[in-house]
Amino acid sequence: RGAESGWMYRVNGEFPSKSAGAYTVAP
């Protein structure tokens, strides 16, 4: 959908500054 489109993730309302593979989830 354009040069600035792509997937992002948000945890508890915040956009983490690390890769999804490096962000450890808590229950």
mmCIF file of all heavy atoms, coordinates in Angstrom:
data_MODEL
# 
_entry.id   MODEL 
# 
loop_
_atom_site.group_PDB 
_atom_site.id 
_atom_site.type_symbol 
_atom_site.label_atom_id 
_atom_site.label_alt_id 
_atom_site.label_comp_id 
_atom_site.label_asym_id 
_atom_site.label_entity_id 
_atom_site.label_seq_id 
_atom_site.pdbx_PDB_ins_code 
_atom_site.Cartn_x 
_atom_site.Cartn_y 
_atom_site.Cartn_z 
_atom_site.occupancy 
_atom_site.B_iso_or_equiv 
_atom_site.pdbx_formal_charge 
_atom_site.auth_seq_id 
_atom_site.auth_comp_id 
_atom_site.auth_asym_id 
_atom_site.auth_atom_id 
_atom_site.pdbx_PDB_model_num 
ATOM 1   N N   . ARG A 1 1  ? 0.823  -1.206  0.000  1.00 0.00 ? 1  ARG A N   1 
ATOM 2   C CA  . ARG A 1 1  ? 0.000  0.000   0.000  1.00 0.00 ? 1  ARG A CA  1 
ATOM 3   C C   . ARG A 1 1  ? 0.864  1.266   0.000  1.00 0.00 ? 1  ARG A C   1 
ATOM 4   O O   . ARG A 1 1  ? 0.474  2.291   0.536  1.00 0.00 ? 1  ARG A O   1 
ATOM 5   C CB  . ARG A 1 1  ? -0.927 0.000   1.222  1.00 0.00 ? 1  ARG A CB  1 
ATOM 6   C CG  . ARG A 1 1  ? -1.930 -1.141  1.267  1.00 0.00 ? 1  ARG A CG  1 
ATOM 7   C CD  . ARG A 1 1  ? -2.993 -1.062  0.180  1.00 0.00 ? 1  ARG A CD  1 
ATOM 8   N NE  . ARG A 1 1  ? -3.683 0.204   0.225  1.00 0.00 ? 1  ARG A NE  1 
ATOM 9   C CZ  . ARG A 1 1  ? -4.866 0.396   0.773  1.00 0.00 ? 1  ARG A CZ  1 
ATOM 10  N NH1 . ARG A 1 1  ? -5.523 -0.603  1.297  1.00 0.00 ? 1  ARG A NH1 1 
ATOM 11  N NH2 . ARG A 1 1  ? -5.410 1.591   0.779  1.00 0.00 ? 1  ARG A NH2 1 
ATOM 12  N N   . GLY A 1 2  ? 2.058  1.166   -0.567 1.00 0.00 ? 2  GLY A N   1 
ATOM 13  C CA  . GLY A 1 2  ? 2.939  2.329   -0.647 1.00 0.00 ? 2  GLY A CA  1 
ATOM 14  C C   . GLY A 1 2  ? 4.270  2.084   0.032  1.00 0.00 ? 2  GLY A C   1 
ATOM 15  O O   . GLY A 1 2  ? 4.455  1.093   0.739  1.00 0.00 ? 2  GLY A O   1 
ATOM 16  N N   . ALA A 1 3  ? 5.182  3.020   -0.180 1.00 0.00 ? 3  ALA A N   1 
ATOM 17  C CA  . ALA A 1 3  ? 6.562  2.882   0.297  1.00 0.00 ? 3  ALA A CA  1 
ATOM 18  C C   . ALA A 1 3  ? 6.676  2.878   1.822  1.00 0.00 ? 3  ALA A C   1 
ATOM 19  O O   . ALA A 1 3  ? 7.681  2.437   2.363  1.00 0.00 ? 3  ALA A O   1 
ATOM 20  C CB  . ALA A 1 3  ? 7.419  4.009   -0.272 1.00 0.00 ? 3  ALA A CB  1 
ATOM 21  N N   . GLU A 1 4  ? 5.661  3.365   2.526  1.00 0.00 ? 4  GLU A N   1 
ATOM 22  C CA  . GLU A 1 4  ? 5.742  3.444   3.990  1.00 0.00 ? 4  GLU A CA  1 
ATOM 23  C C   . GLU A 1 4  ? 4.778  2.482   4.669  1.00 0.00 ? 4  GLU A C   1 
ATOM 24  O O   . GLU A 1 4  ? 4.459  2.638   5.840  1.00 0.00 ? 4  GLU A O   1 
ATOM 25  C CB  . GLU A 1 4  ? 5.487  4.888   4.432  1.00 0.00 ? 4  GLU A CB  1 
ATOM 26  C CG  . GLU A 1 4  ? 6.542  5.838   3.854  1.00 0.00 ? 4  GLU A CG  1 
ATOM 27  C CD  . GLU A 1 4  ? 6.384  7.270   4.309  1.00 0.00 ? 4  GLU A CD  1 
ATOM 28  O OE1 . GLU A 1 4  ? 5.268  7.680   4.687  1.00 0.00 ? 4  GLU A OE1 1 
ATOM 29  O OE2 . GLU A 1 4  ? 7.390  7.987   4.284  1.00 0.00 ? 4  GLU A OE2 1 
ATOM 30  N N   . SER A 1 5  ? 4.321  1.469   3.929  1.00 0.00 ? 5  SER A N   1 
ATOM 31  C CA  . SER A 1 5  ? 3.362  0.520   4.498  1.00 0.00 ? 5  SER A CA  1 
ATOM 32  C C   . SER A 1 5  ? 4.061  -0.755  4.956  1.00 0.00 ? 5  SER A C   1 
ATOM 33  O O   . SER A 1 5  ? 5.117  -1.128  4.435  1.00 0.00 ? 5  SER A O   1 
ATOM 34  C CB  . SER A 1 5  ? 2.273  0.185   3.470  1.00 0.00 ? 5  SER A CB  1 
ATOM 35  O OG  . SER A 1 5  ? 2.809  -0.507  2.355  1.00 0.00 ? 5  SER A OG  1 
ATOM 36  N N   . GLY A 1 6  ? 3.473  -1.415  5.943  1.00 0.00 ? 6  GLY A N   1 
ATOM 37  C CA  . GLY A 1 6  ? 4.025  -2.660  6.468  1.00 0.00 ? 6  GLY A CA  1 
ATOM 38  C C   . GLY A 1 6  ? 3.396  -3.017  7.803  1.00 0.00 ? 6  GLY A C   1 
ATOM 39  O O   . GLY A 1 6  ? 2.494  -2.341  8.281  1.00 0.00 ? 6  GLY A O   1 
ATOM 40  N N   . TRP A 1 7  ? 3.896  -4.086  8.398  1.00 0.00 ? 7  TRP A N   1 
ATOM 41  C CA  . TRP A 1 7  ? 3.340  -4.594  9.656  1.00 0.00 ? 7  TRP A CA  1 
ATOM 42  C C   . TRP A 1 7  ? 4.106  -4.071  10.862 1.00 0.00 ? 7  TRP A C   1 
ATOM 43  O O   . TRP A 1 7  ? 5.326  -4.000  10.856 1.00 0.00 ? 7  TRP A O   1 
ATOM 44  C CB  . TRP A 1 7  ? 3.367  -6.124  9.651  1.00 0.00 ? 7  TRP A CB  1 
ATOM 45  C CG  . TRP A 1 7  ? 2.342  -6.678  8.741  1.00 0.00 ? 7  TRP A CG  1 
ATOM 46  C CD1 . TRP A 1 7  ? 2.518  -7.119  7.463  1.00 0.00 ? 7  TRP A CD1 1 
ATOM 47  C CD2 . TRP A 1 7  ? 0.950  -6.813  9.020  1.00 0.00 ? 7  TRP A CD2 1 
ATOM 48  N NE1 . TRP A 1 7  ? 1.321  -7.524  6.937  1.00 0.00 ? 7  TRP A NE1 1 
ATOM 49  C CE2 . TRP A 1 7  ? 0.339  -7.347  7.870  1.00 0.00 ? 7  TRP A CE2 1 
ATOM 50  C CE3 . TRP A 1 7  ? 0.154  -6.527  10.126 1.00 0.00 ? 7  TRP A CE3 1 
ATOM 51  C CZ2 . TRP A 1 7  ? -1.030 -7.609  7.802  1.00 0.00 ? 7  TRP A CZ2 1 
ATOM 52  C CZ3 . TRP A 1 7  ? -1.207 -6.792  10.062 1.00 0.00 ? 7  TRP A CZ3 1 
ATOM 53  C CH2 . TRP A 1 7  ? -1.782 -7.320  8.918  1.00 0.00 ? 7  TRP A CH2 1 
ATOM 54  N N   . MET A 1 8  ? 3.348  -3.720  11.908 1.00 0.00 ? 8  MET A N   1 
ATOM 55  C CA  . MET A 1 8  ? 3.917  -3.279  13.186 1.00 0.00 ? 8  MET A CA  1 
ATOM 56  C C   . MET A 1 8  ? 3.166  -4.022  14.288 1.00 0.00 ? 8  MET A C   1 
ATOM 57  O O   . MET A 1 8  ? 2.040  -4.466  14.081 1.00 0.00 ? 8  MET A O   1 
ATOM 58  C CB  . MET A 1 8  ? 3.720  -1.772  13.389 1.00 0.00 ? 8  MET A CB  1 
ATOM 59  C CG  . MET A 1 8  ? 4.428  -0.911  12.369 1.00 0.00 ? 8  MET A CG  1 
ATOM 60  S SD  . MET A 1 8  ? 4.146  0.854   12.691 1.00 0.00 ? 8  MET A SD  1 
ATOM 61  C CE  . MET A 1 8  ? 5.083  1.090   14.194 1.00 0.00 ? 8  MET A CE  1 
ATOM 62  N N   . TYR A 1 9  ? 3.791  -4.114  15.448 1.00 0.00 ? 9  TYR A N   1 
ATOM 63  C CA  . TYR A 1 9  ? 3.073  -4.697  16.583 1.00 0.00 ? 9  TYR A CA  1 
ATOM 64  C C   . TYR A 1 9  ? 3.083  -3.733  17.757 1.00 0.00 ? 9  TYR A C   1 
ATOM 65  O O   . TYR A 1 9  ? 3.950  -2.881  17.894 1.00 0.00 ? 9  TYR A O   1 
ATOM 66  C CB  . TYR A 1 9  ? 3.649  -6.060  16.967 1.00 0.00 ? 9  TYR A CB  1 
ATOM 67  C CG  . TYR A 1 9  ? 4.969  -6.026  17.687 1.00 0.00 ? 9  TYR A CG  1 
ATOM 68  C CD1 . TYR A 1 9  ? 5.030  -6.140  19.071 1.00 0.00 ? 9  TYR A CD1 1 
ATOM 69  C CD2 . TYR A 1 9  ? 6.174  -5.894  16.993 1.00 0.00 ? 9  TYR A CD2 1 
ATOM 70  C CE1 . TYR A 1 9  ? 6.243  -6.120  19.744 1.00 0.00 ? 9  TYR A CE1 1 
ATOM 71  C CE2 . TYR A 1 9  ? 7.385  -5.879  17.642 1.00 0.00 ? 9  TYR A CE2 1 
ATOM 72  C CZ  . TYR A 1 9  ? 7.411  -5.989  19.020 1.00 0.00 ? 9  TYR A CZ  1 
ATOM 73  O OH  . TYR A 1 9  ? 8.614  -5.963  19.680 1.00 0.00 ? 9  TYR A OH  1 
ATOM 74  N N   . ARG A 1 10 ? 2.037  -3.888  18.578 1.00 0.00 ? 10 ARG A N   1 
ATOM 75  C CA  . ARG A 1 10 ? 1.872  -3.035  19.762 1.00 0.00 ? 10 ARG A CA  1 
ATOM 76  C C   . ARG A 1 10 ? 1.622  -3.972  20.948 1.00 0.00 ? 10 ARG A C   1 
ATOM 77  O O   . ARG A 1 10 ? 0.859  -4.925  20.829 1.00 0.00 ? 10 ARG A O   1 
ATOM 78  C CB  . ARG A 1 10 ? 0.676  -2.111  19.520 1.00 0.00 ? 10 ARG A CB  1 
ATOM 79  C CG  . ARG A 1 10 ? 0.427  -1.091  20.553 1.00 0.00 ? 10 ARG A CG  1 
ATOM 80  C CD  . ARG A 1 10 ? -0.493 0.029   20.100 1.00 0.00 ? 10 ARG A CD  1 
ATOM 81  N NE  . ARG A 1 10 ? -1.752 -0.401  19.515 1.00 0.00 ? 10 ARG A NE  1 
ATOM 82  C CZ  . ARG A 1 10 ? -2.541 0.407   18.804 1.00 0.00 ? 10 ARG A CZ  1 
ATOM 83  N NH1 . ARG A 1 10 ? -2.203 1.662   18.577 1.00 0.00 ? 10 ARG A NH1 1 
ATOM 84  N NH2 . ARG A 1 10 ? -3.675 -0.032  18.315 1.00 0.00 ? 10 ARG A NH2 1 
ATOM 85  N N   . VAL A 1 11 ? 2.288  -3.703  22.061 1.00 0.00 ? 11 VAL A N   1 
ATOM 86  C CA  . VAL A 1 11 ? 2.106  -4.492  23.281 1.00 0.00 ? 11 VAL A CA  1 
ATOM 87  C C   . VAL A 1 11 ? 1.591  -3.553  24.365 1.00 0.00 ? 11 VAL A C   1 
ATOM 88  O O   . VAL A 1 11 ? 2.229  -2.546  24.673 1.00 0.00 ? 11 VAL A O   1 
ATOM 89  C CB  . VAL A 1 11 ? 3.418  -5.159  23.730 1.00 0.00 ? 11 VAL A CB  1 
ATOM 90  C CG1 . VAL A 1 11 ? 3.202  -5.957  25.022 1.00 0.00 ? 11 VAL A CG1 1 
ATOM 91  C CG2 . VAL A 1 11 ? 3.973  -6.061  22.640 1.00 0.00 ? 11 VAL A CG2 1 
ATOM 92  N N   . ASN A 1 12 ? 0.422  -3.881  24.898 1.00 0.00 ? 12 ASN A N   1 
ATOM 93  C CA  . ASN A 1 12 ? -0.198 -3.072  25.961 1.00 0.00 ? 12 ASN A CA  1 
ATOM 94  C C   . ASN A 1 12 ? -0.270 -1.597  25.574 1.00 0.00 ? 12 ASN A C   1 
ATOM 95  O O   . ASN A 1 12 ? -0.012 -0.715  26.387 1.00 0.00 ? 12 ASN A O   1 
ATOM 96  C CB  . ASN A 1 12 ? 0.551  -3.264  27.284 1.00 0.00 ? 12 ASN A CB  1 
ATOM 97  C CG  . ASN A 1 12 ? 0.583  -4.716  27.718 1.00 0.00 ? 12 ASN A CG  1 
ATOM 98  O OD1 . ASN A 1 12 ? -0.365 -5.462  27.495 1.00 0.00 ? 12 ASN A OD1 1 
ATOM 99  N ND2 . ASN A 1 12 ? 1.681  -5.134  28.304 1.00 0.00 ? 12 ASN A ND2 1 
ATOM 100 N N   . GLY A 1 13 ? -0.595 -1.332  24.314 1.00 0.00 ? 13 GLY A N   1 
ATOM 101 C CA  . GLY A 1 13 ? -0.790 0.037   23.850 1.00 0.00 ? 13 GLY A CA  1 
ATOM 102 C C   . GLY A 1 13 ? 0.469  0.764   23.419 1.00 0.00 ? 13 GLY A C   1 
ATOM 103 O O   . GLY A 1 13 ? 0.408  1.903   22.984 1.00 0.00 ? 13 GLY A O   1 
ATOM 104 N N   . GLU A 1 14 ? 1.641  0.126   23.541 1.00 0.00 ? 14 GLU A N   1 
ATOM 105 C CA  . GLU A 1 14 ? 2.912  0.761   23.193 1.00 0.00 ? 14 GLU A CA  1 
ATOM 106 C C   . GLU A 1 14 ? 3.568  0.037   22.018 1.00 0.00 ? 14 GLU A C   1 
ATOM 107 O O   . GLU A 1 14 ? 3.473  -1.183  21.912 1.00 0.00 ? 14 GLU A O   1 
ATOM 108 C CB  . GLU A 1 14 ? 3.875  0.725   24.386 1.00 0.00 ? 14 GLU A CB  1 
ATOM 109 C CG  . GLU A 1 14 ? 3.363  1.412   25.636 1.00 0.00 ? 14 GLU A CG  1 
ATOM 110 C CD  . GLU A 1 14 ? 3.378  2.919   25.537 1.00 0.00 ? 14 GLU A CD  1 
ATOM 111 O OE1 . GLU A 1 14 ? 4.312  3.463   24.919 1.00 0.00 ? 14 GLU A OE1 1 
ATOM 112 O OE2 . GLU A 1 14 ? 2.459  3.545   26.084 1.00 0.00 ? 14 GLU A OE2 1 
ATOM 113 N N   . PHE A 1 15 ? 4.262  0.788   21.182 1.00 0.00 ? 15 PHE A N   1 
ATOM 114 C CA  . PHE A 1 15 ? 5.033  0.204   20.076 1.00 0.00 ? 15 PHE A CA  1 
ATOM 115 C C   . PHE A 1 15 ? 6.467  -0.001  20.554 1.00 0.00 ? 15 PHE A C   1 
ATOM 116 O O   . PHE A 1 15 ? 7.204  0.968   20.689 1.00 0.00 ? 15 PHE A O   1 
ATOM 117 C CB  . PHE A 1 15 ? 5.012  1.127   18.849 1.00 0.00 ? 15 PHE A CB  1 
ATOM 118 C CG  . PHE A 1 15 ? 3.666  1.188   18.181 1.00 0.00 ? 15 PHE A CG  1 
ATOM 119 C CD1 . PHE A 1 15 ? 2.792  2.225   18.454 1.00 0.00 ? 15 PHE A CD1 1 
ATOM 120 C CD2 . PHE A 1 15 ? 3.284  0.201   17.279 1.00 0.00 ? 15 PHE A CD2 1 
ATOM 121 C CE1 . PHE A 1 15 ? 1.547  2.277   17.843 1.00 0.00 ? 15 PHE A CE1 1 
ATOM 122 C CE2 . PHE A 1 15 ? 2.045  0.249   16.662 1.00 0.00 ? 15 PHE A CE2 1 
ATOM 123 C CZ  . PHE A 1 15 ? 1.174  1.284   16.943 1.00 0.00 ? 15 PHE A CZ  1 
ATOM 124 N N   . PRO A 1 16 ? 6.877  -1.253  20.823 1.00 0.00 ? 16 PRO A N   1 
ATOM 125 C CA  . PRO A 1 16 ? 8.245  -1.502  21.288 1.00 0.00 ? 16 PRO A CA  1 
ATOM 126 C C   . PRO A 1 16 ? 9.282  -1.128  20.228 1.00 0.00 ? 16 PRO A C   1 
ATOM 127 O O   . PRO A 1 16 ? 8.996  -1.156  19.030 1.00 0.00 ? 16 PRO A O   1 
ATOM 128 C CB  . PRO A 1 16 ? 8.274  -3.012  21.535 1.00 0.00 ? 16 PRO A CB  1 
ATOM 129 C CG  . PRO A 1 16 ? 6.843  -3.393  21.720 1.00 0.00 ? 16 PRO A CG  1 
ATOM 130 C CD  . PRO A 1 16 ? 6.076  -2.477  20.812 1.00 0.00 ? 16 PRO A CD  1 
ATOM 131 N N   . SER A 1 17 ? 10.471 -0.814  20.672 1.00 0.00 ? 17 SER A N   1 
ATOM 132 C CA  . SER A 1 17 ? 11.534 -0.413  19.744 1.00 0.00 ? 17 SER A CA  1 
ATOM 133 C C   . SER A 1 17 ? 12.443 -1.589  19.401 1.00 0.00 ? 17 SER A C   1 
ATOM 134 O O   . SER A 1 17 ? 13.563 -1.390  18.960 1.00 0.00 ? 17 SER A O   1 
ATOM 135 C CB  . SER A 1 17 ? 12.351 0.727   20.356 1.00 0.00 ? 17 SER A CB  1 
ATOM 136 O OG  . SER A 1 17 ? 12.916 0.291   21.579 1.00 0.00 ? 17 SER A OG  1 
ATOM 137 N N   . LYS A 1 18 ? 11.962 -2.814  19.635 1.00 0.00 ? 18 LYS A N   1 
ATOM 138 C CA  . LYS A 1 18 ? 12.772 -3.983  19.290 1.00 0.00 ? 18 LYS A CA  1 
ATOM 139 C C   . LYS A 1 18 ? 11.977 -4.929  18.406 1.00 0.00 ? 18 LYS A C   1 
ATOM 140 O O   . LYS A 1 18 ? 10.752 -4.868  18.353 1.00 0.00 ? 18 LYS A O   1 
ATOM 141 C CB  . LYS A 1 18 ? 13.304 -4.680  20.526 1.00 0.00 ? 18 LYS A CB  1 
ATOM 142 C CG  . LYS A 1 18 ? 12.258 -5.139  21.520 1.00 0.00 ? 18 LYS A CG  1 
ATOM 143 C CD  . LYS A 1 18 ? 12.830 -6.000  22.620 1.00 0.00 ? 18 LYS A CD  1 
ATOM 144 C CE  . LYS A 1 18 ? 13.425 -5.206  23.752 1.00 0.00 ? 18 LYS A CE  1 
ATOM 145 N NZ  . LYS A 1 18 ? 13.812 -6.040  24.890 1.00 0.00 ? 18 LYS A NZ  1 
ATOM 146 N N   . SER A 1 19 ? 12.689 -5.797  17.744 1.00 0.00 ? 19 SER A N   1 
ATOM 147 C CA  . SER A 1 19 ? 12.098 -6.793  16.851 1.00 0.00 ? 19 SER A CA  1 
ATOM 148 C C   . SER A 1 19 ? 11.115 -7.686  17.604 1.00 0.00 ? 19 SER A C   1 
ATOM 149 O O   . SER A 1 19 ? 11.288 -7.970  18.789 1.00 0.00 ? 19 SER A O   1 
ATOM 150 C CB  . SER A 1 19 ? 13.230 -7.643  16.272 1.00 0.00 ? 19 SER A CB  1 
ATOM 151 O OG  . SER A 1 19 ? 12.752 -8.878  15.814 1.00 0.00 ? 19 SER A OG  1 
ATOM 152 N N   . ALA A 1 20 ? 10.096 -8.158  16.880 1.00 0.00 ? 20 ALA A N   1 
ATOM 153 C CA  . ALA A 1 20 ? 9.118  -9.073  17.469 1.00 0.00 ? 20 ALA A CA  1 
ATOM 154 C C   . ALA A 1 20 ? 9.775  -10.365 17.939 1.00 0.00 ? 20 ALA A C   1 
ATOM 155 O O   . ALA A 1 20 ? 9.286  -11.017 18.856 1.00 0.00 ? 20 ALA A O   1 
ATOM 156 C CB  . ALA A 1 20 ? 8.012  -9.374  16.459 1.00 0.00 ? 20 ALA A CB  1 
ATOM 157 N N   . GLY A 1 21 ? 10.902 -10.716 17.338 1.00 0.00 ? 21 GLY A N   1 
ATOM 158 C CA  . GLY A 1 21 ? 11.623 -11.916 17.740 1.00 0.00 ? 21 GLY A CA  1 
ATOM 159 C C   . GLY A 1 21 ? 12.431 -11.730 19.009 1.00 0.00 ? 21 GLY A C   1 
ATOM 160 O O   . GLY A 1 21 ? 12.866 -12.695 19.631 1.00 0.00 ? 21 GLY A O   1 
ATOM 161 N N   . ALA A 1 22 ? 12.622 -10.483 19.412 1.00 0.00 ? 22 ALA A N   1 
ATOM 162 C CA  . ALA A 1 22 ? 13.426 -10.178 20.596 1.00 0.00 ? 22 ALA A CA  1 
ATOM 163 C C   . ALA A 1 22 ? 12.571 -9.730  21.783 1.00 0.00 ? 22 ALA A C   1 
ATOM 164 O O   . ALA A 1 22 ? 13.072 -9.603  22.895 1.00 0.00 ? 22 ALA A O   1 
ATOM 165 C CB  . ALA A 1 22 ? 14.446 -9.083  20.276 1.00 0.00 ? 22 ALA A CB  1 
ATOM 166 N N   . TYR A 1 23 ? 11.285 -9.481  21.557 1.00 0.00 ? 23 TYR A N   1 
ATOM 167 C CA  . TYR A 1 23 ? 10.406 -9.002  22.631 1.00 0.00 ? 23 TYR A CA  1 
ATOM 168 C C   . TYR A 1 23 ? 9.761  -10.203 23.320 1.00 0.00 ? 23 TYR A C   1 
ATOM 169 O O   . TYR A 1 23 ? 8.960  -10.917 22.721 1.00 0.00 ? 23 TYR A O   1 
ATOM 170 C CB  . TYR A 1 23 ? 9.328  -8.067  22.065 1.00 0.00 ? 23 TYR A CB  1 
ATOM 171 C CG  . TYR A 1 23 ? 8.566  -7.331  23.139 1.00 0.00 ? 23 TYR A CG  1 
ATOM 172 C CD1 . TYR A 1 23 ? 8.856  -6.013  23.432 1.00 0.00 ? 23 TYR A CD1 1 
ATOM 173 C CD2 . TYR A 1 23 ? 7.565  -7.963  23.877 1.00 0.00 ? 23 TYR A CD2 1 
ATOM 174 C CE1 . TYR A 1 23 ? 8.158  -5.336  24.430 1.00 0.00 ? 23 TYR A CE1 1 
ATOM 175 C CE2 . TYR A 1 23 ? 6.875  -7.297  24.872 1.00 0.00 ? 23 TYR A CE2 1 
ATOM 176 C CZ  . TYR A 1 23 ? 7.181  -5.984  25.149 1.00 0.00 ? 23 TYR A CZ  1 
ATOM 177 O OH  . TYR A 1 23 ? 6.492  -5.317  26.139 1.00 0.00 ? 23 TYR A OH  1 
ATOM 178 N N   . THR A 1 24 ? 10.105 -10.422 24.589 1.00 0.00 ? 24 THR A N   1 
ATOM 179 C CA  . THR A 1 24 ? 9.554  -11.542 25.350 1.00 0.00 ? 24 THR A CA  1 
ATOM 180 C C   . THR A 1 24 ? 8.202  -11.148 25.940 1.00 0.00 ? 24 THR A C   1 
ATOM 181 O O   . THR A 1 24 ? 8.068  -10.094 26.564 1.00 0.00 ? 24 THR A O   1 
ATOM 182 C CB  . THR A 1 24 ? 10.517 -11.959 26.481 1.00 0.00 ? 24 THR A CB  1 
ATOM 183 O OG1 . THR A 1 24 ? 11.787 -12.260 25.892 1.00 0.00 ? 24 THR A OG1 1 
ATOM 184 C CG2 . THR A 1 24 ? 10.005 -13.188 27.211 1.00 0.00 ? 24 THR A CG2 1 
ATOM 185 N N   . VAL A 1 25 ? 7.226  -12.016 25.729 1.00 0.00 ? 25 VAL A N   1 
ATOM 186 C CA  . VAL A 1 25 ? 5.856  -11.770 26.167 1.00 0.00 ? 25 VAL A CA  1 
ATOM 187 C C   . VAL A 1 25 ? 5.672  -12.229 27.606 1.00 0.00 ? 25 VAL A C   1 
ATOM 188 O O   . VAL A 1 25 ? 6.251  -13.229 28.023 1.00 0.00 ? 25 VAL A O   1 
ATOM 189 C CB  . VAL A 1 25 ? 4.870  -12.547 25.259 1.00 0.00 ? 25 VAL A CB  1 
ATOM 190 C CG1 . VAL A 1 25 ? 3.438  -12.320 25.678 1.00 0.00 ? 25 VAL A CG1 1 
ATOM 191 C CG2 . VAL A 1 25 ? 5.069  -12.157 23.810 1.00 0.00 ? 25 VAL A CG2 1 
ATOM 192 N N   . ALA A 1 26 ? 4.849  -11.489 28.350 1.00 0.00 ? 26 ALA A N   1 
ATOM 193 C CA  . ALA A 1 26 ? 4.475  -11.888 29.699 1.00 0.00 ? 26 ALA A CA  1 
ATOM 194 C C   . ALA A 1 26 ? 2.978  -12.239 29.704 1.00 0.00 ? 26 ALA A C   1 
ATOM 195 O O   . ALA A 1 26 ? 2.211  -11.652 28.940 1.00 0.00 ? 26 ALA A O   1 
ATOM 196 C CB  . ALA A 1 26 ? 4.736  -10.738 30.680 1.00 0.00 ? 26 ALA A CB  1 
ATOM 197 N N   . PRO A 1 27 ? 2.572  -13.185 30.545 1.00 0.00 ? 27 PRO A N   1 
ATOM 198 C CA  . PRO A 1 27 ? 1.147  -13.497 30.629 1.00 0.00 ? 27 PRO A CA  1 
ATOM 199 C C   . PRO A 1 27 ? 0.343  -12.220 30.912 1.00 0.00 ? 27 PRO A C   1 
ATOM 200 O O   . PRO A 1 27 ? 0.750  -11.390 31.719 1.00 0.00 ? 27 PRO A O   1 
ATOM 201 C CB  . PRO A 1 27 ? 1.058  -14.485 31.796 1.00 0.00 ? 27 PRO A CB  1 
ATOM 202 C CG  . PRO A 1 27 ? 2.406  -15.139 31.821 1.00 0.00 ? 27 PRO A CG  1 
ATOM 203 C CD  . PRO A 1 27 ? 3.366  -14.039 31.440 1.00 0.00 ? 27 PRO A CD  1 
# 
